[in-house]
Amino acid sequence: MNRVPIVFPIRFATASAAVQTTTRELARDGVFIRCLEPPALGTPVRLKLYLPGSREAAQASGVVSELAPAGMEPGFWAHFVEAGPRERKLIEETMARRERASQSTPIGAIAVQPEGEDELDEDPRRAFRRYNTRFAVRFSTVQDFVLEYAANISAGGVFVHTPEPPPLQTVVNIEMELPGSDVPVPAKGMVVHRVTAEDAAQRGTLPGMGVQFVEASDGFRDRIEAAIAHILHSE
């Protein structure tokens, strides 16, 4: 099974819960879903894949067929059980674009990067464009919330300026005061990229962390889309 690394928003629902999160890989017969507490093997899931280039989510049903090994990025592989012709076509088109792009460099909206590797320059092969902006972000790991500021945001994640970014794969709780809204939006994320103070000094940039969204409520995606629309309207 050919698995292509790609990050895009996805919603999965079981009989007891619905979660907005992001993906890590896509194949023609399944998708890897980031999830802090994955469902058990064999659990049926209903999926909405917010694929790049499509205005409407691709819907499919699947089953949990594989769990990430202990010590690895948490999540699960959902094998597609049922998907319509439109959904199959969108998946095929997305796979084809990603495979062409991956022939030159790795792709992904925010992919896990080695420490110190700068990710602030825009890459046209990313699944979703990042939008430069500035808004307050409060985040915490196991301590009190710390107030910092975002530098950019995409459909799948956010880059937060902070002088002491947590280690890679750290799970953080975040509250974002998104552009165009007075009500903070909460979510959980995973640190997938970090720029230390030393690295930032060498490059003349600011230190910080790239956070991939991994767990949020059903209304979370609407809030992100509204914020991005506000940013675009303000440009």
Foldseek 3Di string as FASTA:
>chain_A
DDKAFAKFWKWKDFPPDIWIFIFGIADLFKTKAQAPDEDDFFTKIWMWTPFFPDPGTFIFIWTFHAFDDPPDRGTTITTTPDGDPVNSVSSVVSVVLRVVVVVVPGEYQFAQDPALDDDPDWDVSHRWGKFADWWWKWKDQPDDTDIWIWGIDTLWWTKTFDQDEDDFQGKMWMWTPFPPDNHTFIFIWTFRYWHHPVSCVVVVHTTTTITTTRTGDPCVSVVVVVSVVNSVVVD
